[in-house]
């Protein structure tokens, strides 16, 4: 086996890979389309399975533009869902500074003692508490 045989084998393998990718893309688009009836999907699928080269070519010619529009719409929906998730995740987690400010307000109002404030602050910062005393239940409820 010489160098050009290896190059030719790589070329044929890449063509086979592209063909499989194209068929997967066509079938994914076929089942993603909500406007096409079940019978239409079945006929397109049968056409692509029975006469693969002609079926794929006709599908791309007939439905290529709408195939691209559906892929773009799905990408936009996924991007929007990701952005919404990130905003929810970032907004729902209060920072340690916010929690310490709430604790300071509770301490200043007299709802918790200085010792409870120091213990809760140490717990939020992940450091050992000054005396190692457990957090009282009324403070645990006030933190939430």
N, C-alpha and C. Protein backbone atom coordinates (compact mmCIF):
# COMPACT_ATOMS: atom_id res chain seq x y z
N UNK A 1 0.86 -1.17 0.00
CA UNK A 1 0.00 0.00 0.00
C UNK A 1 0.91 1.24 0.00
N UNK A 2 0.76 2.06 -1.01
CA UNK A 2 1.61 3.25 -1.10
C UNK A 2 0.89 4.48 -0.54
N UNK A 3 1.56 5.61 -0.60
CA UNK A 3 1.06 6.86 -0.03
C UNK A 3 -0.27 7.27 -0.64
N UNK A 4 -0.40 7.16 -1.97
CA UNK A 4 -1.62 7.61 -2.64
C UNK A 4 -2.81 6.71 -2.34
N UNK A 5 -2.56 5.45 -2.08
CA UNK A 5 -3.64 4.56 -1.65
C UNK A 5 -4.18 4.98 -0.28
N UNK A 6 -3.27 5.39 0.58
CA UNK A 6 -3.68 5.86 1.91
C UNK A 6 -4.50 7.15 1.78
N UNK A 7 -4.04 8.06 0.95
CA UNK A 7 -4.76 9.33 0.73
C UNK A 7 -6.14 9.04 0.15
N UNK A 8 -6.23 8.13 -0.80
CA UNK A 8 -7.51 7.76 -1.40
C UNK A 8 -8.43 7.11 -0.37
N UNK A 9 -7.88 6.27 0.49
CA UNK A 9 -8.69 5.64 1.55
C UNK A 9 -9.22 6.70 2.51
N UNK A 10 -8.40 7.67 2.85
CA UNK A 10 -8.84 8.75 3.73
C UNK A 10 -9.95 9.55 3.05
N UNK A 11 -9.80 9.82 1.77
CA UNK A 11 -10.82 10.56 1.03
C UNK A 11 -12.15 9.82 1.03
N UNK A 12 -12.13 8.50 0.77
CA UNK A 12 -13.37 7.72 0.74
C UNK A 12 -13.99 7.64 2.15
N UNK A 13 -13.15 7.54 3.16
CA UNK A 13 -13.67 7.52 4.52
C UNK A 13 -14.34 8.84 4.86
N UNK A 14 -13.75 9.96 4.45
CA UNK A 14 -14.36 11.27 4.70
C UNK A 14 -15.67 11.42 3.95
N UNK A 15 -15.75 10.91 2.73
CA UNK A 15 -17.01 10.94 1.98
C UNK A 15 -18.07 10.09 2.68
N UNK A 16 -17.70 8.93 3.17
CA UNK A 16 -18.64 8.09 3.89
C UNK A 16 -19.13 8.78 5.16
N UNK A 17 -18.22 9.41 5.88
CA UNK A 17 -18.59 10.14 7.09
C UNK A 17 -19.53 11.29 6.77
N UNK A 18 -19.24 12.04 5.69
CA UNK A 18 -20.12 13.15 5.29
C UNK A 18 -21.49 12.63 4.88
N UNK A 19 -21.55 11.50 4.21
CA UNK A 19 -22.82 10.91 3.79
C UNK A 19 -23.66 10.52 5.01
N UNK A 20 -23.03 9.87 5.97
CA UNK A 20 -23.76 9.47 7.19
C UNK A 20 -24.24 10.71 7.93
N UNK A 21 -23.41 11.74 8.00
CA UNK A 21 -23.79 12.98 8.67
C UNK A 21 -24.98 13.62 7.95
N UNK A 22 -24.98 13.62 6.63
CA UNK A 22 -26.07 14.18 5.86
C UNK A 22 -27.37 13.42 6.12
N UNK A 23 -27.31 12.10 6.14
CA UNK A 23 -28.52 11.32 6.40
C UNK A 23 -29.06 11.57 7.81
N UNK A 24 -28.18 11.65 8.79
CA UNK A 24 -28.63 11.95 10.15
C UNK A 24 -29.26 13.33 10.22
N UNK A 25 -28.67 14.30 9.54
CA UNK A 25 -29.22 15.65 9.52
C UNK A 25 -30.59 15.69 8.86
N UNK A 26 -30.73 14.96 7.76
CA UNK A 26 -32.02 14.92 7.06
C UNK A 26 -33.09 14.28 7.93
N UNK A 27 -32.78 13.14 8.56
CA UNK A 27 -33.77 12.49 9.40
C UNK A 27 -34.10 13.33 10.64
N UNK A 28 -33.10 14.00 11.21
CA UNK A 28 -33.37 14.88 12.36
C UNK A 28 -34.29 16.01 11.94
N UNK A 29 -34.04 16.60 10.77
CA UNK A 29 -34.90 17.67 10.29
C UNK A 29 -36.29 17.15 9.97
N UNK A 30 -36.35 15.98 9.42
CA UNK A 30 -37.64 15.39 9.05
C UNK A 30 -38.53 15.23 10.28
N UNK A 31 -37.96 14.74 11.37
CA UNK A 31 -38.76 14.52 12.57
C UNK A 31 -38.90 15.78 13.43
N UNK A 32 -38.11 16.80 13.16
CA UNK A 32 -38.23 18.08 13.86
C UNK A 32 -39.35 18.94 13.28
N UNK A 33 -39.70 18.70 12.03
CA UNK A 33 -40.70 19.52 11.34
C UNK A 33 -42.09 19.22 11.87
N UNK A 34 -42.74 20.25 12.42
CA UNK A 34 -44.09 20.07 12.98
C UNK A 34 -45.17 20.35 11.95
N UNK A 35 -44.82 20.90 10.82
CA UNK A 35 -45.81 21.21 9.79
C UNK A 35 -46.09 20.02 8.88
N UNK A 36 -45.18 19.08 8.80
CA UNK A 36 -45.33 17.92 7.94
C UNK A 36 -46.10 16.83 8.67
N UNK A 37 -47.04 16.21 7.98
CA UNK A 37 -47.85 15.17 8.61
C UNK A 37 -47.03 13.89 8.81
N UNK A 38 -47.58 12.98 9.57
CA UNK A 38 -46.92 11.71 9.80
C UNK A 38 -46.74 10.92 8.51
N UNK A 39 -47.75 10.96 7.64
CA UNK A 39 -47.64 10.25 6.36
C UNK A 39 -46.55 10.86 5.49
N UNK A 40 -46.45 12.18 5.51
CA UNK A 40 -45.40 12.86 4.74
C UNK A 40 -44.01 12.48 5.25
N UNK A 41 -43.88 12.41 6.56
CA UNK A 41 -42.60 12.00 7.14
C UNK A 41 -42.27 10.56 6.77
N UNK A 42 -43.30 9.70 6.81
CA UNK A 42 -43.08 8.30 6.46
C UNK A 42 -42.67 8.16 5.00
N UNK A 43 -43.32 8.89 4.11
CA UNK A 43 -42.99 8.81 2.69
C UNK A 43 -41.58 9.35 2.42
N UNK A 44 -41.22 10.48 3.04
CA UNK A 44 -39.87 11.01 2.86
C UNK A 44 -38.85 10.01 3.39
N UNK A 45 -39.11 9.44 4.56
CA UNK A 45 -38.19 8.47 5.14
C UNK A 45 -38.02 7.25 4.25
N UNK A 46 -39.13 6.74 3.73
CA UNK A 46 -39.08 5.59 2.83
C UNK A 46 -38.32 5.93 1.55
N UNK A 47 -38.56 7.12 1.02
CA UNK A 47 -37.88 7.55 -0.20
C UNK A 47 -36.37 7.63 0.04
N UNK A 48 -35.96 8.15 1.19
CA UNK A 48 -34.53 8.28 1.48
C UNK A 48 -33.90 6.92 1.76
N UNK A 49 -34.65 6.00 2.34
CA UNK A 49 -34.09 4.68 2.63
C UNK A 49 -34.01 3.83 1.37
N UNK A 50 -35.04 3.87 0.52
CA UNK A 50 -35.08 3.02 -0.68
C UNK A 50 -34.11 3.53 -1.75
N UNK A 51 -34.14 4.81 -2.01
CA UNK A 51 -33.25 5.40 -3.03
C UNK A 51 -32.44 6.50 -2.33
N UNK A 52 -31.38 6.13 -1.61
CA UNK A 52 -30.72 7.10 -0.73
C UNK A 52 -30.14 8.32 -1.45
N UNK A 53 -29.40 8.13 -2.51
CA UNK A 53 -28.75 9.27 -3.16
C UNK A 53 -29.78 10.22 -3.77
N UNK A 54 -30.71 9.68 -4.50
CA UNK A 54 -31.74 10.51 -5.12
C UNK A 54 -32.65 11.11 -4.05
N UNK A 55 -33.00 10.33 -3.04
CA UNK A 55 -33.87 10.83 -1.97
C UNK A 55 -33.23 11.99 -1.22
N UNK A 56 -31.95 11.87 -0.89
CA UNK A 56 -31.27 12.95 -0.17
C UNK A 56 -31.15 14.19 -1.05
N UNK A 57 -30.85 13.99 -2.32
CA UNK A 57 -30.73 15.12 -3.24
C UNK A 57 -32.07 15.84 -3.41
N UNK A 58 -33.14 15.09 -3.62
CA UNK A 58 -34.46 15.69 -3.78
C UNK A 58 -34.89 16.38 -2.49
N UNK A 59 -34.61 15.76 -1.34
CA UNK A 59 -34.98 16.37 -0.06
C UNK A 59 -34.26 17.71 0.12
N UNK A 60 -32.97 17.74 -0.18
CA UNK A 60 -32.22 18.98 -0.03
C UNK A 60 -32.69 20.06 -0.99
N UNK A 61 -33.09 19.67 -2.19
CA UNK A 61 -33.59 20.66 -3.15
C UNK A 61 -34.96 21.15 -2.73
N UNK A 62 -35.84 20.23 -2.36
CA UNK A 62 -37.22 20.60 -2.04
C UNK A 62 -37.36 21.28 -0.68
N UNK A 63 -36.60 20.83 0.30
CA UNK A 63 -36.82 21.32 1.66
C UNK A 63 -35.57 21.92 2.30
N UNK A 64 -34.55 22.21 1.52
CA UNK A 64 -33.30 22.73 2.06
C UNK A 64 -33.43 24.06 2.76
N UNK A 65 -34.20 24.99 2.20
CA UNK A 65 -34.36 26.30 2.81
C UNK A 65 -35.10 26.20 4.14
N UNK A 66 -36.19 25.44 4.17
CA UNK A 66 -36.93 25.29 5.43
C UNK A 66 -36.12 24.47 6.44
N UNK A 67 -35.26 23.59 5.96
CA UNK A 67 -34.39 22.82 6.84
C UNK A 67 -33.45 23.77 7.58
N UNK A 68 -32.90 24.73 6.87
CA UNK A 68 -32.02 25.72 7.47
C UNK A 68 -32.78 26.61 8.45
N UNK A 69 -34.00 27.01 8.11
CA UNK A 69 -34.80 27.85 8.99
C UNK A 69 -35.14 27.13 10.29
N UNK A 70 -35.47 25.85 10.21
CA UNK A 70 -35.77 25.08 11.43
C UNK A 70 -34.53 24.91 12.31
N UNK A 71 -33.38 24.69 11.68
CA UNK A 71 -32.14 24.56 12.46
C UNK A 71 -31.80 25.88 13.14
N UNK A 72 -31.98 26.99 12.44
CA UNK A 72 -31.71 28.30 13.01
C UNK A 72 -32.68 28.60 14.16
N UNK A 73 -33.96 28.28 13.99
CA UNK A 73 -34.95 28.50 15.05
C UNK A 73 -34.62 27.66 16.28
N UNK A 74 -34.20 26.42 16.09
CA UNK A 74 -33.85 25.58 17.23
C UNK A 74 -32.62 26.12 17.93
N UNK A 75 -31.64 26.59 17.19
CA UNK A 75 -30.43 27.16 17.81
C UNK A 75 -30.78 28.41 18.61
N UNK A 76 -31.69 29.23 18.10
CA UNK A 76 -32.11 30.43 18.83
C UNK A 76 -32.87 30.06 20.10
N UNK A 77 -33.73 29.03 20.03
CA UNK A 77 -34.45 28.59 21.23
C UNK A 77 -33.48 28.06 22.28
N UNK A 78 -32.50 27.29 21.86
CA UNK A 78 -31.52 26.76 22.81
C UNK A 78 -30.68 27.87 23.41
N UNK A 79 -30.31 28.86 22.62
CA UNK A 79 -29.54 29.99 23.13
C UNK A 79 -30.37 30.79 24.13
N UNK A 80 -31.64 31.02 23.81
CA UNK A 80 -32.52 31.75 24.72
C UNK A 80 -32.71 30.98 26.02
N UNK A 81 -32.89 29.67 25.93
CA UNK A 81 -33.05 28.85 27.14
C UNK A 81 -31.78 28.87 27.98
N UNK A 82 -30.63 28.82 27.35
CA UNK A 82 -29.37 28.88 28.08
C UNK A 82 -29.21 30.23 28.77
N UNK A 83 -29.50 31.31 28.06
CA UNK A 83 -29.38 32.64 28.66
C UNK A 83 -30.35 32.79 29.84
N UNK A 84 -31.56 32.28 29.70
CA UNK A 84 -32.55 32.34 30.77
C UNK A 84 -32.06 31.55 31.98
N UNK A 85 -31.50 30.38 31.73
CA UNK A 85 -30.99 29.55 32.81
C UNK A 85 -29.85 30.25 33.55
N UNK A 86 -28.93 30.85 32.80
CA UNK A 86 -27.80 31.54 33.41
C UNK A 86 -28.28 32.72 34.24
N UNK A 87 -29.24 33.48 33.73
CA UNK A 87 -29.75 34.62 34.47
C UNK A 87 -30.46 34.17 35.75
N UNK A 88 -31.23 33.09 35.67
CA UNK A 88 -31.91 32.57 36.86
C UNK A 88 -30.90 32.07 37.88
N UNK A 89 -29.89 31.35 37.41
CA UNK A 89 -28.89 30.80 38.33
C UNK A 89 -28.08 31.91 38.98
N UNK A 90 -27.75 32.94 38.23
CA UNK A 90 -26.95 34.03 38.78
C UNK A 90 -27.78 34.89 39.73
N UNK A 91 -29.05 35.08 39.43
CA UNK A 91 -29.88 35.95 40.26
C UNK A 91 -30.38 35.26 41.52
N UNK A 92 -30.52 33.96 41.51
CA UNK A 92 -31.13 33.27 42.65
C UNK A 92 -30.16 33.04 43.79
N UNK A 93 -28.87 33.15 43.57
CA UNK A 93 -27.89 32.90 44.62
C UNK A 93 -27.42 34.22 45.23
N UNK A 94 -27.88 34.52 46.45
CA UNK A 94 -27.37 35.75 47.08
C UNK A 94 -25.90 35.57 47.47
N UNK A 95 -25.17 36.64 47.41
CA UNK A 95 -23.75 36.57 47.74
C UNK A 95 -23.56 36.54 49.25
N UNK A 96 -22.38 36.17 49.67
CA UNK A 96 -22.07 36.14 51.10
C UNK A 96 -22.14 37.55 51.68
N UNK A 97 -21.74 38.53 50.91
CA UNK A 97 -21.79 39.92 51.38
C UNK A 97 -23.23 40.34 51.65
N UNK A 98 -24.17 39.94 50.78
CA UNK A 98 -25.59 40.26 51.00
C UNK A 98 -26.10 39.59 52.27
N UNK A 99 -25.73 38.34 52.49
CA UNK A 99 -26.16 37.62 53.68
C UNK A 99 -25.58 38.25 54.94
N UNK A 100 -24.33 38.66 54.89
CA UNK A 100 -23.71 39.30 56.06
C UNK A 100 -24.38 40.64 56.33
N UNK A 101 -24.74 41.37 55.28
CA UNK A 101 -25.45 42.64 55.47
C UNK A 101 -26.80 42.40 56.14
N UNK A 102 -27.51 41.34 55.74
CA UNK A 102 -28.80 41.00 56.38
C UNK A 102 -28.58 40.64 57.84
N UNK A 103 -27.52 39.89 58.11
CA UNK A 103 -27.21 39.52 59.49
C UNK A 103 -26.89 40.76 60.33
N UNK A 104 -26.15 41.71 59.75
CA UNK A 104 -25.82 42.93 60.47
C UNK A 104 -27.08 43.72 60.78
N UNK A 105 -28.00 43.76 59.84
CA UNK A 105 -29.27 44.45 60.07
C UNK A 105 -30.05 43.78 61.20
N UNK A 106 -30.09 42.44 61.20
CA UNK A 106 -30.78 41.72 62.27
C UNK A 106 -30.09 41.99 63.62
N UNK A 107 -28.78 42.02 63.63
CA UNK A 107 -28.05 42.30 64.86
C UNK A 107 -28.34 43.72 65.36
N UNK A 108 -28.35 44.67 64.42
CA UNK A 108 -28.61 46.06 64.80
C UNK A 108 -30.04 46.24 65.30
N UNK A 109 -30.98 45.45 64.80
CA UNK A 109 -32.37 45.53 65.25
C UNK A 109 -32.58 44.79 66.57
N UNK A 110 -31.61 44.01 66.97
CA UNK A 110 -31.72 43.27 68.21
C UNK A 110 -32.35 41.90 68.04
N UNK A 111 -32.57 41.46 66.81
CA UNK A 111 -33.18 40.14 66.57
C UNK A 111 -32.22 39.01 66.89
N UNK A 112 -30.91 39.26 66.72
CA UNK A 112 -29.90 38.25 67.06
C UNK A 112 -28.82 38.91 67.90
N UNK A 113 -28.14 38.10 68.68
CA UNK A 113 -27.07 38.64 69.53
C UNK A 113 -25.78 38.77 68.74
N UNK A 114 -24.81 39.42 69.34
CA UNK A 114 -23.50 39.56 68.70
C UNK A 114 -22.84 38.20 68.48
N UNK A 115 -23.01 37.30 69.45
CA UNK A 115 -22.44 35.96 69.33
C UNK A 115 -23.08 35.19 68.17
N UNK A 116 -24.39 35.30 68.03
CA UNK A 116 -25.08 34.63 66.92
C UNK A 116 -24.64 35.22 65.59
N UNK A 117 -24.47 36.55 65.57
CA UNK A 117 -24.00 37.21 64.34
C UNK A 117 -22.62 36.69 63.94
N UNK A 118 -21.70 36.61 64.90
CA UNK A 118 -20.35 36.15 64.60
C UNK A 118 -20.33 34.70 64.14
N UNK A 119 -21.18 33.87 64.78
CA UNK A 119 -21.23 32.46 64.38
C UNK A 119 -21.79 32.31 62.96
N UNK A 120 -22.87 33.02 62.65
CA UNK A 120 -23.47 32.93 61.31
C UNK A 120 -22.52 33.50 60.25
N UNK A 121 -21.82 34.56 60.61
CA UNK A 121 -20.86 35.16 59.68
C UNK A 121 -19.73 34.17 59.39
N UNK A 122 -19.25 33.51 60.43
CA UNK A 122 -18.19 32.53 60.23
C UNK A 122 -18.68 31.37 59.38
N UNK A 123 -19.93 30.96 59.59
CA UNK A 123 -20.50 29.87 58.79
C UNK A 123 -20.60 30.26 57.32
N UNK A 124 -21.02 31.50 57.05
CA UNK A 124 -21.13 31.98 55.66
C UNK A 124 -19.76 32.07 54.99
N UNK A 125 -18.78 32.48 55.75
CA UNK A 125 -17.43 32.64 55.18
C UNK A 125 -16.64 31.34 55.15
N UNK A 126 -17.18 30.30 55.82
CA UNK A 126 -16.52 29.01 55.81
C UNK A 126 -15.34 28.94 56.77
N UNK A 127 -15.35 29.78 57.77
CA UNK A 127 -14.29 29.77 58.78
C UNK A 127 -14.86 29.22 60.08
N UNK A 128 -14.02 28.74 60.97
CA UNK A 128 -14.54 28.23 62.24
C UNK A 128 -15.13 29.36 63.07
N UNK A 129 -16.22 29.05 63.76
CA UNK A 129 -16.87 30.07 64.59
C UNK A 129 -16.01 30.36 65.81
N UNK A 130 -16.16 31.54 66.41
CA UNK A 130 -15.30 31.92 67.52
C UNK A 130 -15.38 30.96 68.71
N UNK A 131 -16.57 30.45 69.04
CA UNK A 131 -16.68 29.55 70.20
C UNK A 131 -17.15 28.16 69.83
N UNK A 132 -17.45 27.91 68.57
CA UNK A 132 -17.89 26.59 68.13
C UNK A 132 -19.30 26.24 68.52
N UNK A 133 -20.09 27.22 68.95
CA UNK A 133 -21.47 26.95 69.37
C UNK A 133 -22.35 26.75 68.16
N UNK A 134 -23.35 25.88 68.26
CA UNK A 134 -24.25 25.68 67.13
C UNK A 134 -25.13 26.90 66.91
N UNK A 135 -25.64 27.03 65.68
CA UNK A 135 -26.51 28.14 65.33
C UNK A 135 -27.88 27.89 65.94
N UNK A 136 -28.44 28.87 66.68
CA UNK A 136 -29.78 28.69 67.25
C UNK A 136 -30.82 28.58 66.14
N UNK A 137 -31.93 27.85 66.40
CA UNK A 137 -32.96 27.65 65.36
C UNK A 137 -33.57 28.96 64.90
N UNK A 138 -33.77 29.95 65.80
CA UNK A 138 -34.40 31.20 65.35
C UNK A 138 -33.50 31.95 64.38
N UNK A 139 -32.18 31.81 64.51
CA UNK A 139 -31.27 32.45 63.58
C UNK A 139 -31.26 31.73 62.25
N UNK A 140 -31.33 30.42 62.27
CA UNK A 140 -31.35 29.66 61.00
C UNK A 140 -32.57 30.04 60.19
N UNK A 141 -33.70 30.28 60.86
CA UNK A 141 -34.91 30.70 60.14
C UNK A 141 -34.75 32.13 59.64
N UNK A 142 -34.04 32.98 60.41
CA UNK A 142 -33.87 34.37 60.00
C UNK A 142 -32.94 34.48 58.80
N UNK A 143 -32.03 33.53 58.63
CA UNK A 143 -31.11 33.57 57.50
C UNK A 143 -31.80 33.29 56.19
N UNK A 144 -32.88 32.61 56.20
CA UNK A 144 -33.55 32.22 54.96
C UNK A 144 -34.45 33.31 54.45
